């Protein structure tokens, strides 16, 4: 069963995965998020995280304390703005993207802040982010490589009790979930991982995310 997080602010969030457009008419977002959305609109970047996804990221960041937050797929910084705006002042945020122009734009955006936790925006392949770990909160771009669980070693990327978020899933209504005519092995990797306590959260009628807590290298949810 999935838990639905209602999108009370965006009229478009339930019918479109184009996250940048979903902020049209949504005045209930932090100023830094609005600035990142404006940057995305200017660059013609439509793949920003949806408003309900951003609010979920903010909720998770707010409960973290002075930990380390990592994000793959910076985009134009919308998700990063949600995270930074809610994170503890002593937290550290690192995001990475392979698009040099977007990285430069997001660096400029965050350089204008007068308060908030330190934020580093790196240019490079998503896999290079592991050098900044292990993370207390890790946000993986499901549209990129986040769904391919075999390339993310949770024992290396996450601190014990750390949380990972993988976006860009389609809600399922049968078990086991399927992708076309085959089992959805990417989703099942996260939901059945022996060292993760995982659940899928439905954000809109067409979009869901997997959220999982890492139990530790020598612990399994099957241990009872």
N, C-alpha and C. Protein backbone atom coordinates (compact mmCIF):
# COMPACT_ATOMS: atom_id res chain seq x y z
N UNK A 1 0.85 -1.19 0.00
CA UNK A 1 0.00 0.00 0.00
C UNK A 1 0.88 1.24 0.00
N UNK A 2 0.46 2.27 -0.72
CA UNK A 2 1.22 3.50 -0.77
C UNK A 2 0.54 4.58 0.03
N UNK A 3 1.36 5.49 0.53
CA UNK A 3 0.86 6.64 1.30
C UNK A 3 0.83 7.85 0.39
N UNK A 4 -0.29 8.51 0.30
CA UNK A 4 -0.43 9.66 -0.60
C UNK A 4 -0.13 10.95 0.14
N UNK A 5 0.75 11.76 -0.46
CA UNK A 5 1.02 13.10 0.05
C UNK A 5 0.29 14.07 -0.86
N UNK A 6 -0.76 14.72 -0.37
CA UNK A 6 -1.60 15.57 -1.21
C UNK A 6 -0.84 16.81 -1.66
N UNK A 7 -1.04 17.17 -2.91
CA UNK A 7 -0.48 18.42 -3.43
C UNK A 7 -1.58 19.46 -3.37
N UNK A 8 -1.60 20.24 -2.28
CA UNK A 8 -2.70 21.19 -2.09
C UNK A 8 -2.46 22.51 -2.79
N UNK A 9 -1.24 22.73 -3.31
CA UNK A 9 -0.94 24.04 -3.86
C UNK A 9 -0.90 24.07 -5.37
N UNK A 10 -0.50 22.93 -5.99
CA UNK A 10 -0.28 22.95 -7.43
C UNK A 10 -1.43 22.31 -8.18
N UNK A 11 -1.96 23.03 -9.16
CA UNK A 11 -3.05 22.49 -9.95
C UNK A 11 -2.52 21.47 -10.94
N UNK A 12 -1.25 21.57 -11.31
CA UNK A 12 -0.70 20.72 -12.36
C UNK A 12 -0.03 19.48 -11.82
N UNK A 13 0.27 19.44 -10.51
CA UNK A 13 1.09 18.37 -9.98
C UNK A 13 0.50 16.99 -10.19
N UNK A 14 -0.82 16.87 -10.20
CA UNK A 14 -1.42 15.56 -10.31
C UNK A 14 -1.55 15.05 -11.73
N UNK A 15 -1.29 15.88 -12.71
CA UNK A 15 -1.52 15.45 -14.09
C UNK A 15 -0.28 15.58 -14.95
N UNK A 16 0.81 16.07 -14.43
CA UNK A 16 1.98 16.29 -15.24
C UNK A 16 3.24 16.02 -14.44
N UNK A 17 4.24 15.40 -15.09
CA UNK A 17 5.51 15.17 -14.42
C UNK A 17 6.47 16.31 -14.71
N UNK A 18 6.03 17.33 -15.44
CA UNK A 18 6.87 18.48 -15.73
C UNK A 18 6.88 19.39 -14.51
N UNK A 19 7.88 19.18 -13.68
CA UNK A 19 7.86 19.81 -12.37
C UNK A 19 7.93 21.32 -12.39
N UNK A 20 8.69 21.90 -13.30
CA UNK A 20 8.83 23.35 -13.30
C UNK A 20 7.48 24.02 -13.55
N UNK A 21 6.73 23.54 -14.51
CA UNK A 21 5.42 24.12 -14.81
C UNK A 21 4.44 23.94 -13.67
N UNK A 22 4.64 22.93 -12.83
CA UNK A 22 3.71 22.66 -11.74
C UNK A 22 3.70 23.75 -10.69
N UNK A 23 4.68 24.65 -10.71
CA UNK A 23 4.74 25.73 -9.72
C UNK A 23 3.94 26.95 -10.14
N UNK A 24 3.38 26.93 -11.34
CA UNK A 24 2.60 28.07 -11.82
C UNK A 24 1.42 28.33 -10.89
N UNK A 25 1.34 29.54 -10.36
CA UNK A 25 0.25 29.91 -9.47
C UNK A 25 0.41 29.43 -8.04
N UNK A 26 1.54 28.77 -7.73
CA UNK A 26 1.77 28.28 -6.37
C UNK A 26 2.56 29.32 -5.61
N UNK A 27 1.88 30.06 -4.74
CA UNK A 27 2.54 31.11 -3.97
C UNK A 27 3.04 30.62 -2.61
N UNK A 28 2.71 29.38 -2.27
CA UNK A 28 3.06 28.87 -0.94
C UNK A 28 4.38 28.11 -0.95
N UNK A 29 5.38 28.69 -1.59
CA UNK A 29 6.70 28.07 -1.63
C UNK A 29 7.73 29.07 -1.11
N UNK A 30 8.82 28.59 -0.53
CA UNK A 30 9.86 29.50 -0.03
C UNK A 30 10.47 30.33 -1.15
N UNK A 31 11.01 31.48 -0.78
CA UNK A 31 11.57 32.40 -1.77
C UNK A 31 12.69 31.77 -2.57
N UNK A 32 13.54 30.98 -1.91
CA UNK A 32 14.66 30.36 -2.62
C UNK A 32 14.16 29.36 -3.66
N UNK A 33 13.09 28.66 -3.33
CA UNK A 33 12.48 27.74 -4.30
C UNK A 33 11.94 28.52 -5.49
N UNK A 34 11.26 29.64 -5.23
CA UNK A 34 10.74 30.47 -6.32
C UNK A 34 11.86 30.94 -7.23
N UNK A 35 13.00 31.33 -6.63
CA UNK A 35 14.13 31.78 -7.44
C UNK A 35 14.68 30.65 -8.30
N UNK A 36 14.73 29.44 -7.74
CA UNK A 36 15.23 28.30 -8.51
C UNK A 36 14.26 27.95 -9.64
N UNK A 37 12.97 28.04 -9.37
CA UNK A 37 11.97 27.80 -10.42
C UNK A 37 12.12 28.83 -11.54
N UNK A 38 12.34 30.09 -11.16
CA UNK A 38 12.53 31.14 -12.16
C UNK A 38 13.77 30.86 -13.01
N UNK A 39 14.82 30.37 -12.39
CA UNK A 39 16.03 30.02 -13.14
C UNK A 39 15.76 28.87 -14.10
N UNK A 40 14.97 27.88 -13.64
CA UNK A 40 14.62 26.75 -14.51
C UNK A 40 13.79 27.21 -15.70
N UNK A 41 12.84 28.11 -15.44
CA UNK A 41 12.02 28.64 -16.54
C UNK A 41 12.89 29.38 -17.55
N UNK A 42 13.83 30.16 -17.05
CA UNK A 42 14.71 30.93 -17.93
C UNK A 42 15.57 30.03 -18.80
N UNK A 43 15.98 28.89 -18.24
CA UNK A 43 16.84 27.97 -18.98
C UNK A 43 16.05 26.93 -19.77
N UNK A 44 14.71 27.00 -19.68
CA UNK A 44 13.88 26.03 -20.39
C UNK A 44 13.99 24.62 -19.82
N UNK A 45 14.27 24.52 -18.52
CA UNK A 45 14.44 23.23 -17.87
C UNK A 45 13.14 22.86 -17.19
N UNK A 46 12.50 21.78 -17.64
CA UNK A 46 11.17 21.42 -17.16
C UNK A 46 11.18 20.28 -16.14
N UNK A 47 12.34 19.70 -15.85
CA UNK A 47 12.36 18.49 -15.03
C UNK A 47 12.63 18.76 -13.56
N UNK A 48 12.24 19.91 -13.06
CA UNK A 48 12.38 20.19 -11.63
C UNK A 48 11.47 19.26 -10.82
N UNK A 49 11.80 19.08 -9.54
CA UNK A 49 10.96 18.22 -8.71
C UNK A 49 9.60 18.88 -8.51
N UNK A 50 8.56 18.07 -8.44
CA UNK A 50 7.21 18.56 -8.23
C UNK A 50 7.07 19.19 -6.84
N UNK A 51 6.13 20.10 -6.66
CA UNK A 51 5.93 20.71 -5.34
C UNK A 51 5.74 19.71 -4.20
N UNK A 52 4.91 18.65 -4.35
CA UNK A 52 4.78 17.72 -3.23
C UNK A 52 6.06 16.96 -2.95
N UNK A 53 6.86 16.72 -3.98
CA UNK A 53 8.17 16.08 -3.78
C UNK A 53 9.08 17.02 -3.00
N UNK A 54 9.07 18.29 -3.37
CA UNK A 54 9.89 19.26 -2.66
C UNK A 54 9.51 19.37 -1.20
N UNK A 55 8.22 19.34 -0.92
CA UNK A 55 7.77 19.43 0.47
C UNK A 55 8.17 18.18 1.26
N UNK A 56 8.17 17.04 0.61
CA UNK A 56 8.64 15.82 1.28
C UNK A 56 10.13 15.93 1.59
N UNK A 57 10.91 16.44 0.64
CA UNK A 57 12.35 16.62 0.87
C UNK A 57 12.59 17.58 2.03
N UNK A 58 11.81 18.65 2.08
CA UNK A 58 11.96 19.61 3.17
C UNK A 58 11.64 18.96 4.51
N UNK A 59 10.60 18.15 4.55
CA UNK A 59 10.22 17.46 5.79
C UNK A 59 11.36 16.56 6.26
N UNK A 60 11.95 15.80 5.34
CA UNK A 60 13.04 14.89 5.70
C UNK A 60 14.28 15.67 6.15
N UNK A 61 14.60 16.75 5.44
CA UNK A 61 15.76 17.55 5.80
C UNK A 61 15.58 18.20 7.17
N UNK A 62 14.37 18.64 7.46
CA UNK A 62 14.10 19.32 8.73
C UNK A 62 14.30 18.41 9.92
N UNK A 63 14.10 17.11 9.75
CA UNK A 63 14.24 16.18 10.84
C UNK A 63 15.62 15.59 10.99
N UNK A 64 16.55 16.06 10.18
CA UNK A 64 17.87 15.43 10.13
C UNK A 64 18.83 15.92 11.20
N UNK A 65 18.84 17.21 11.47
CA UNK A 65 19.86 17.77 12.35
C UNK A 65 21.12 18.09 11.56
N UNK A 66 22.25 18.23 12.25
CA UNK A 66 23.50 18.64 11.56
C UNK A 66 24.18 17.48 10.84
N UNK A 67 23.52 16.93 9.84
CA UNK A 67 24.07 15.82 9.08
C UNK A 67 24.52 16.23 7.70
N UNK A 68 24.79 15.23 6.86
CA UNK A 68 25.26 15.46 5.49
C UNK A 68 24.17 15.02 4.52
N UNK A 69 23.80 15.92 3.62
CA UNK A 69 22.75 15.67 2.64
C UNK A 69 23.38 15.66 1.25
N UNK A 70 23.11 14.62 0.48
CA UNK A 70 23.61 14.52 -0.88
C UNK A 70 22.49 14.42 -1.88
N UNK A 71 22.72 14.97 -3.07
CA UNK A 71 21.70 14.94 -4.12
C UNK A 71 22.37 14.70 -5.46
N UNK A 72 21.86 13.76 -6.23
CA UNK A 72 22.32 13.57 -7.60
C UNK A 72 21.28 14.18 -8.54
N UNK A 73 21.75 14.89 -9.54
CA UNK A 73 20.84 15.55 -10.47
C UNK A 73 20.35 16.87 -9.93
N UNK A 74 21.23 17.87 -9.91
CA UNK A 74 20.89 19.19 -9.35
C UNK A 74 19.80 19.88 -10.13
N UNK A 75 19.80 19.69 -11.46
CA UNK A 75 18.88 20.44 -12.30
C UNK A 75 19.17 21.93 -12.15
N UNK A 76 18.13 22.71 -11.92
CA UNK A 76 18.30 24.15 -11.68
C UNK A 76 18.17 24.50 -10.20
N UNK A 77 18.24 23.49 -9.34
CA UNK A 77 18.33 23.74 -7.91
C UNK A 77 17.02 23.80 -7.16
N UNK A 78 15.92 23.39 -7.77
CA UNK A 78 14.64 23.47 -7.08
C UNK A 78 14.60 22.52 -5.88
N UNK A 79 14.92 21.26 -6.10
CA UNK A 79 14.96 20.31 -4.99
C UNK A 79 15.97 20.70 -3.94
N UNK A 80 17.12 21.17 -4.38
CA UNK A 80 18.17 21.61 -3.46
C UNK A 80 17.70 22.79 -2.62
N UNK A 81 16.91 23.66 -3.21
CA UNK A 81 16.37 24.80 -2.47
C UNK A 81 15.39 24.34 -1.39
N UNK A 82 14.56 23.36 -1.70
CA UNK A 82 13.67 22.80 -0.69
C UNK A 82 14.48 22.22 0.47
N UNK A 83 15.54 21.47 0.14
CA UNK A 83 16.37 20.84 1.16
C UNK A 83 17.08 21.88 2.01
N UNK A 84 17.74 22.83 1.36
CA UNK A 84 18.54 23.82 2.08
C UNK A 84 17.67 24.72 2.96
N UNK A 85 16.47 25.01 2.49
CA UNK A 85 15.60 25.89 3.25
C UNK A 85 15.10 25.29 4.54
N UNK A 86 15.11 23.97 4.62
CA UNK A 86 14.60 23.29 5.81
C UNK A 86 15.69 22.66 6.66
N UNK A 87 16.90 22.54 6.13
CA UNK A 87 17.97 21.83 6.81
C UNK A 87 18.50 22.61 8.01
N UNK A 88 19.09 21.89 8.94
CA UNK A 88 19.72 22.48 10.12
C UNK A 88 20.87 23.39 9.67
N UNK A 89 21.09 24.52 10.35
CA UNK A 89 22.18 25.43 9.94
C UNK A 89 23.55 24.77 9.93
N UNK A 90 23.72 23.72 10.74
CA UNK A 90 25.01 23.04 10.79
C UNK A 90 25.08 21.83 9.86
N UNK A 91 24.04 21.61 9.08
CA UNK A 91 24.07 20.54 8.09
C UNK A 91 24.98 20.94 6.93
N UNK A 92 25.35 19.96 6.12
CA UNK A 92 26.14 20.24 4.91
C UNK A 92 25.45 19.58 3.74
N UNK A 93 25.28 20.35 2.65
CA UNK A 93 24.59 19.84 1.47
C UNK A 93 25.54 19.82 0.28
N UNK A 94 25.52 18.71 -0.47
CA UNK A 94 26.33 18.58 -1.67
C UNK A 94 25.45 18.02 -2.78
N UNK A 95 25.43 18.69 -3.92
CA UNK A 95 24.65 18.25 -5.06
C UNK A 95 25.55 18.20 -6.29
N UNK A 96 25.26 17.29 -7.22
CA UNK A 96 26.12 17.14 -8.39
C UNK A 96 25.27 17.00 -9.65
N UNK A 97 25.77 17.59 -10.73
CA UNK A 97 25.07 17.55 -12.01
C UNK A 97 26.11 17.57 -13.13
N UNK A 98 25.81 16.92 -14.23
CA UNK A 98 26.77 16.86 -15.34
C UNK A 98 26.62 18.01 -16.32
N UNK A 99 25.59 18.85 -16.14
CA UNK A 99 25.39 19.99 -17.03
C UNK A 99 26.10 21.21 -16.45
N UNK A 100 27.14 21.65 -17.11
CA UNK A 100 27.98 22.72 -16.57
C UNK A 100 27.24 24.04 -16.45
N UNK A 101 26.38 24.34 -17.42
CA UNK A 101 25.65 25.61 -17.39
C UNK A 101 24.68 25.65 -16.22
N UNK A 102 24.00 24.55 -15.98
CA UNK A 102 23.06 24.52 -14.85
C UNK A 102 23.82 24.61 -13.52
N UNK A 103 24.94 23.94 -13.43
CA UNK A 103 25.75 24.01 -12.21
C UNK A 103 26.14 25.45 -11.92
N UNK A 104 26.58 26.17 -12.94
CA UNK A 104 26.98 27.57 -12.75
C UNK A 104 25.80 28.42 -12.28
N UNK A 105 24.63 28.17 -12.86
CA UNK A 105 23.43 28.92 -12.48
C UNK A 105 23.06 28.67 -11.02
N UNK A 106 23.11 27.41 -10.59
CA UNK A 106 22.72 27.08 -9.22
C UNK A 106 23.76 27.61 -8.23
N UNK A 107 25.02 27.56 -8.60
CA UNK A 107 26.05 28.13 -7.72
C UNK A 107 25.80 29.62 -7.49
N UNK A 108 25.46 30.32 -8.55
CA UNK A 108 25.17 31.75 -8.43
C UNK A 108 23.94 31.98 -7.56
N UNK A 109 22.94 31.14 -7.72
CA UNK A 109 21.71 31.27 -6.95
C UNK A 109 21.99 31.13 -5.45
N UNK A 110 22.75 30.12 -5.08
CA UNK A 110 23.01 29.89 -3.66
C UNK A 110 24.05 30.84 -3.08
N UNK A 111 24.88 31.41 -3.94
CA UNK A 111 25.87 32.38 -3.45
C UNK A 111 25.21 33.65 -2.93
N UNK A 112 23.98 33.92 -3.35
CA UNK A 112 23.27 35.12 -2.93
C UNK A 112 22.64 34.99 -1.55
N UNK A 113 22.61 33.78 -1.01
CA UNK A 113 21.99 33.59 0.30
C UNK A 113 22.83 34.26 1.39
N UNK A 114 22.15 34.77 2.39
CA UNK A 114 22.85 35.36 3.54
C UNK A 114 22.85 34.43 4.74
N UNK A 115 21.93 33.48 4.78
CA UNK A 115 21.84 32.53 5.89
C UNK A 115 21.60 31.14 5.33
N UNK A 116 21.73 30.16 6.22
CA UNK A 116 21.45 28.79 5.83
C UNK A 116 22.69 27.92 5.86
N UNK A 117 22.51 26.62 5.77
CA UNK A 117 23.64 25.69 5.82
C UNK A 117 24.51 25.81 4.58
N UNK A 118 25.78 25.40 4.67
CA UNK A 118 26.65 25.45 3.50
C UNK A 118 26.17 24.49 2.41
N UNK A 119 26.23 24.96 1.18
CA UNK A 119 25.79 24.18 0.01
C UNK A 119 26.90 24.18 -1.02
N UNK A 120 27.28 22.99 -1.46
CA UNK A 120 28.26 22.85 -2.54
C UNK A 120 27.58 22.22 -3.74
N UNK A 121 27.78 22.82 -4.91
CA UNK A 121 27.22 22.29 -6.15
C UNK A 121 28.38 21.89 -7.05
N UNK A 122 28.47 20.61 -7.33
CA UNK A 122 29.60 20.07 -8.07
C UNK A 122 29.21 19.75 -9.51
N UNK A 123 30.19 19.90 -10.41
CA UNK A 123 30.01 19.50 -11.81
C UNK A 123 30.69 18.16 -12.01
N UNK A 124 29.93 17.16 -12.46
CA UNK A 124 30.52 15.86 -12.69
C UNK A 124 29.47 14.78 -12.81
N UNK A 125 29.94 13.55 -12.98
CA UNK A 125 29.05 12.41 -13.05
C UNK A 125 28.46 12.13 -11.67
N UNK A 126 27.22 11.69 -11.65
CA UNK A 126 26.51 11.48 -10.39
C UNK A 126 27.28 10.56 -9.44
N UNK A 127 27.97 9.55 -10.01
CA UNK A 127 28.65 8.56 -9.18
C UNK A 127 29.79 9.15 -8.36
N UNK A 128 30.29 10.32 -8.77
CA UNK A 128 31.39 10.96 -8.04
C UNK A 128 30.95 11.50 -6.68
N UNK A 129 29.65 11.59 -6.48
CA UNK A 129 29.14 12.13 -5.22
C UNK A 129 29.50 11.23 -4.03
N UNK A 130 29.77 9.98 -4.29
CA UNK A 130 30.08 9.04 -3.20
C UNK A 130 31.27 9.50 -2.37
N UNK A 131 32.16 10.29 -2.96
CA UNK A 131 33.34 10.76 -2.23
C UNK A 131 32.98 11.74 -1.12
N UNK A 132 31.78 12.30 -1.16
CA UNK A 132 31.33 13.22 -0.11
C UNK A 132 30.54 12.51 0.97
N UNK A 133 30.31 11.22 0.81
CA UNK A 133 29.55 10.47 1.78
C UNK A 133 30.41 9.94 2.91
N UNK A 134 29.84 9.12 3.76
CA UNK A 134 28.46 8.63 3.70
C UNK A 134 27.45 9.70 4.11
N UNK A 135 26.22 9.54 3.64
CA UNK A 135 25.20 10.56 3.80
C UNK A 135 24.16 10.16 4.84
N UNK A 136 23.64 11.17 5.50
CA UNK A 136 22.52 10.98 6.41
C UNK A 136 21.19 11.05 5.64
N UNK A 137 21.19 11.80 4.54
CA UNK A 137 20.04 11.88 3.64
C UNK A 137 20.59 11.94 2.23
N UNK A 138 20.16 11.00 1.40
CA UNK A 138 20.62 10.91 0.01
C UNK A 138 19.42 10.95 -0.91
N UNK A 139 19.42 11.91 -1.84
CA UNK A 139 18.33 12.06 -2.80
C UNK A 139 18.86 11.66 -4.17
N UNK A 140 18.36 10.54 -4.69
CA UNK A 140 18.82 10.01 -5.97
C UNK A 140 17.84 10.35 -7.07
N UNK A 141 18.36 10.78 -8.21
CA UNK A 141 17.55 11.10 -9.36
C UNK A 141 17.10 9.82 -10.03
N UNK A 142 15.83 9.46 -9.81
CA UNK A 142 15.31 8.24 -10.40
C UNK A 142 15.26 8.29 -11.91
N UNK A 143 15.17 9.49 -12.49
CA UNK A 143 15.16 9.61 -13.93
C UNK A 143 16.53 9.39 -14.54
N UNK A 144 17.57 9.44 -13.71
CA UNK A 144 18.92 9.18 -14.19
C UNK A 144 19.33 7.77 -13.87
N UNK A 145 20.09 7.60 -12.77
CA UNK A 145 20.59 6.28 -12.42
C UNK A 145 20.09 5.79 -11.07
N UNK A 146 19.24 6.57 -10.40
CA UNK A 146 18.83 6.19 -9.07
C UNK A 146 18.07 4.89 -9.00
N UNK A 147 17.34 4.55 -10.05
CA UNK A 147 16.56 3.32 -10.02
C UNK A 147 17.43 2.08 -10.16
N UNK A 148 18.60 2.24 -10.73
CA UNK A 148 19.48 1.10 -10.95
C UNK A 148 20.23 0.84 -9.66
N UNK A 149 19.57 0.15 -8.76
CA UNK A 149 20.10 0.01 -7.42
C UNK A 149 21.44 -0.67 -7.33
N UNK A 150 21.79 -1.51 -8.31
CA UNK A 150 23.03 -2.24 -8.23
C UNK A 150 24.27 -1.37 -8.23
N UNK A 151 24.15 -0.13 -8.70
CA UNK A 151 25.32 0.74 -8.77
C UNK A 151 25.45 1.61 -7.52
N UNK A 152 24.49 1.54 -6.62
CA UNK A 152 24.55 2.30 -5.37
C UNK A 152 24.69 1.30 -4.23
N UNK A 153 25.86 1.24 -3.65
CA UNK A 153 26.11 0.36 -2.51
C UNK A 153 25.71 1.11 -1.25
N UNK A 154 24.59 0.72 -0.66
CA UNK A 154 24.08 1.47 0.49
C UNK A 154 25.07 1.43 1.66
N UNK A 155 25.87 0.38 1.76
CA UNK A 155 26.86 0.30 2.83
C UNK A 155 27.94 1.37 2.67
N UNK A 156 28.15 1.82 1.44
CA UNK A 156 29.16 2.83 1.16
C UNK A 156 28.57 4.23 1.15
N UNK A 157 27.36 4.37 0.64
CA UNK A 157 26.78 5.69 0.42
C UNK A 157 26.07 6.26 1.66
N UNK A 158 25.57 5.41 2.54
CA UNK A 158 24.73 5.87 3.64
C UNK A 158 25.34 5.59 5.00
N UNK A 159 25.09 6.51 5.94
CA UNK A 159 25.40 6.24 7.34
C UNK A 159 24.30 5.33 7.91
N UNK A 160 24.62 4.53 8.91
CA UNK A 160 23.56 3.77 9.57
C UNK A 160 22.44 4.68 10.04
N UNK A 161 21.21 4.30 9.76
CA UNK A 161 19.97 5.03 10.03
C UNK A 161 19.75 6.16 9.02
N UNK A 162 20.63 6.29 8.04
CA UNK A 162 20.44 7.30 7.02
C UNK A 162 19.26 6.97 6.10
N UNK A 163 18.78 7.98 5.39
CA UNK A 163 17.59 7.84 4.54
C UNK A 163 17.96 8.10 3.09
N UNK A 164 17.42 7.29 2.19
CA UNK A 164 17.58 7.50 0.76
C UNK A 164 16.22 7.69 0.12
N UNK A 165 16.14 8.62 -0.84
CA UNK A 165 14.92 8.91 -1.58
C UNK A 165 15.19 8.71 -3.06
N UNK A 166 14.37 7.91 -3.73
CA UNK A 166 14.51 7.68 -5.17
C UNK A 166 13.22 8.11 -5.83
N UNK A 167 13.31 9.06 -6.76
CA UNK A 167 12.09 9.61 -7.36
C UNK A 167 11.79 8.98 -8.71
N UNK A 168 10.75 9.53 -9.35
CA UNK A 168 10.41 9.20 -10.74
C UNK A 168 9.85 7.79 -10.92
N UNK A 169 9.07 7.32 -9.97
CA UNK A 169 8.35 6.06 -10.14
C UNK A 169 6.90 6.35 -10.48
N UNK A 170 6.24 5.36 -11.10
CA UNK A 170 4.81 5.42 -11.35
C UNK A 170 4.11 4.58 -10.28
N UNK A 171 3.07 5.10 -9.65
CA UNK A 171 2.40 4.32 -8.61
C UNK A 171 1.93 2.96 -9.13
N UNK A 172 2.00 1.96 -8.25
CA UNK A 172 1.53 0.63 -8.63
C UNK A 172 0.32 0.25 -7.79
N UNK A 173 -0.53 -0.64 -8.31
CA UNK A 173 -1.71 -1.07 -7.56
C UNK A 173 -1.80 -2.59 -7.46
N UNK A 174 -0.73 -3.28 -7.85
CA UNK A 174 -0.68 -4.73 -7.69
C UNK A 174 0.66 -5.11 -7.10
N UNK A 175 0.70 -6.28 -6.51
CA UNK A 175 1.96 -6.79 -5.96
C UNK A 175 2.22 -8.21 -6.49
N UNK A 176 3.46 -8.45 -6.94
CA UNK A 176 4.58 -7.51 -7.01
C UNK A 176 4.39 -6.50 -8.13
N UNK A 177 5.03 -5.33 -8.02
CA UNK A 177 4.89 -4.31 -9.06
C UNK A 177 5.51 -4.79 -10.37
N UNK A 178 4.94 -4.31 -11.46
CA UNK A 178 5.44 -4.72 -12.78
C UNK A 178 5.77 -3.49 -13.61
N UNK A 179 6.71 -3.66 -14.51
CA UNK A 179 7.07 -2.63 -15.48
C UNK A 179 6.78 -3.23 -16.85
N UNK A 180 5.64 -2.86 -17.42
CA UNK A 180 5.21 -3.51 -18.64
C UNK A 180 4.79 -4.94 -18.32
N UNK A 181 5.34 -5.89 -19.05
CA UNK A 181 5.00 -7.30 -18.82
C UNK A 181 5.96 -7.99 -17.86
N UNK A 182 7.00 -7.27 -17.42
CA UNK A 182 8.02 -7.87 -16.55
C UNK A 182 7.90 -7.33 -15.13
N UNK A 183 8.50 -8.04 -14.20
CA UNK A 183 8.60 -7.53 -12.85
C UNK A 183 9.40 -6.24 -12.84
N UNK A 184 9.02 -5.31 -11.97
CA UNK A 184 9.75 -4.05 -11.85
C UNK A 184 10.94 -4.28 -10.90
N UNK A 185 12.02 -4.80 -11.48
CA UNK A 185 13.17 -5.19 -10.67
C UNK A 185 13.84 -3.98 -10.01
N UNK A 186 13.84 -2.84 -10.68
CA UNK A 186 14.46 -1.65 -10.10
C UNK A 186 13.74 -1.24 -8.82
N UNK A 187 12.42 -1.22 -8.86
CA UNK A 187 11.65 -0.85 -7.68
C UNK A 187 11.79 -1.91 -6.59
N UNK A 188 11.74 -3.17 -6.99
CA UNK A 188 11.84 -4.25 -6.02
C UNK A 188 13.20 -4.28 -5.34
N UNK A 189 14.25 -3.83 -6.04
CA UNK A 189 15.57 -3.77 -5.41
C UNK A 189 15.52 -2.95 -4.13
N UNK A 190 14.86 -1.81 -4.19
CA UNK A 190 14.79 -0.92 -3.03
C UNK A 190 13.79 -1.41 -2.00
N UNK A 191 12.63 -1.85 -2.44
CA UNK A 191 11.58 -2.25 -1.51
C UNK A 191 11.91 -3.55 -0.77
N UNK A 192 12.73 -4.41 -1.39
CA UNK A 192 13.07 -5.70 -0.78
C UNK A 192 14.50 -5.77 -0.26
N UNK A 193 15.23 -4.65 -0.32
CA UNK A 193 16.63 -4.68 0.11
C UNK A 193 16.70 -5.11 1.57
N UNK A 194 17.55 -6.10 1.90
CA UNK A 194 17.55 -6.63 3.27
C UNK A 194 18.04 -5.65 4.33
N UNK A 195 18.78 -4.60 3.92
CA UNK A 195 19.30 -3.66 4.91
C UNK A 195 18.58 -2.30 4.84
N UNK A 196 17.44 -2.29 4.16
CA UNK A 196 16.64 -1.08 4.08
C UNK A 196 15.23 -1.34 4.59
N UNK A 197 14.70 -0.38 5.31
CA UNK A 197 13.28 -0.38 5.66
C UNK A 197 12.64 0.63 4.71
N UNK A 198 11.91 0.15 3.71
CA UNK A 198 11.49 0.99 2.59
C UNK A 198 9.99 1.00 2.41
N UNK A 199 9.51 2.10 1.85
CA UNK A 199 8.10 2.23 1.50
C UNK A 199 7.98 3.15 0.29
N UNK A 200 6.93 2.95 -0.47
CA UNK A 200 6.66 3.84 -1.59
C UNK A 200 5.61 4.86 -1.17
N UNK A 201 5.86 6.11 -1.49
CA UNK A 201 4.94 7.20 -1.15
C UNK A 201 4.42 7.81 -2.44
N UNK A 202 3.11 7.82 -2.60
CA UNK A 202 2.49 8.39 -3.79
C UNK A 202 2.33 9.89 -3.62
N UNK A 203 2.91 10.65 -4.54
CA UNK A 203 2.88 12.10 -4.47
C UNK A 203 1.71 12.71 -5.25
N UNK A 204 1.44 12.14 -6.41
CA UNK A 204 0.31 12.57 -7.23
C UNK A 204 -0.31 11.31 -7.83
N UNK A 205 -1.29 11.48 -8.67
CA UNK A 205 -1.93 10.31 -9.28
C UNK A 205 -0.99 9.58 -10.24
N UNK A 206 0.09 10.22 -10.66
CA UNK A 206 0.99 9.62 -11.64
C UNK A 206 2.44 9.50 -11.19
N UNK A 207 2.76 9.99 -10.00
CA UNK A 207 4.15 10.04 -9.56
C UNK A 207 4.26 9.54 -8.12
N UNK A 208 5.28 8.72 -7.88
CA UNK A 208 5.58 8.27 -6.53
C UNK A 208 7.08 8.21 -6.33
N UNK A 209 7.49 8.10 -5.07
CA UNK A 209 8.90 7.97 -4.72
C UNK A 209 9.05 6.82 -3.75
N UNK A 210 10.25 6.27 -3.70
CA UNK A 210 10.59 5.27 -2.69
C UNK A 210 11.47 5.95 -1.65
N UNK A 211 11.10 5.78 -0.39
CA UNK A 211 11.87 6.32 0.74
C UNK A 211 12.29 5.15 1.60
N UNK A 212 13.58 5.09 1.95
CA UNK A 212 14.08 3.95 2.70
C UNK A 212 15.09 4.40 3.74
N UNK A 213 15.07 3.73 4.88
CA UNK A 213 16.06 3.97 5.93
C UNK A 213 17.05 2.81 5.96
N UNK A 214 18.32 3.16 5.99
CA UNK A 214 19.40 2.17 6.00
C UNK A 214 19.61 1.67 7.43
N UNK A 215 19.50 0.38 7.64
CA UNK A 215 19.58 -0.19 8.98
C UNK A 215 21.00 -0.40 9.46
N UNK A 216 21.95 -0.44 8.54
CA UNK A 216 23.35 -0.63 8.93
C UNK A 216 23.96 -1.82 8.22
N UNK A 217 25.31 -1.89 8.18
CA UNK A 217 25.99 -2.93 7.39
C UNK A 217 25.83 -4.33 7.93
N UNK A 218 25.59 -4.49 9.20
CA UNK A 218 25.50 -5.82 9.79
C UNK A 218 24.10 -6.11 10.32
N UNK A 219 23.13 -5.42 9.78
CA UNK A 219 21.76 -5.53 10.24
C UNK A 219 20.85 -5.86 9.07
N UNK A 220 19.84 -6.64 9.32
CA UNK A 220 18.87 -6.97 8.29
C UNK A 220 17.48 -6.86 8.87
N UNK A 221 16.54 -6.39 8.06
CA UNK A 221 15.15 -6.30 8.54
C UNK A 221 14.57 -7.69 8.78
N UNK A 222 15.26 -8.72 8.25
CA UNK A 222 14.78 -10.09 8.47
C UNK A 222 15.24 -10.65 9.82
N UNK A 223 16.06 -9.83 10.55
CA UNK A 223 16.56 -10.32 11.83
C UNK A 223 15.49 -10.31 12.91
N UNK A 224 14.38 -9.63 12.63
CA UNK A 224 13.31 -9.55 13.62
C UNK A 224 13.50 -8.39 14.56
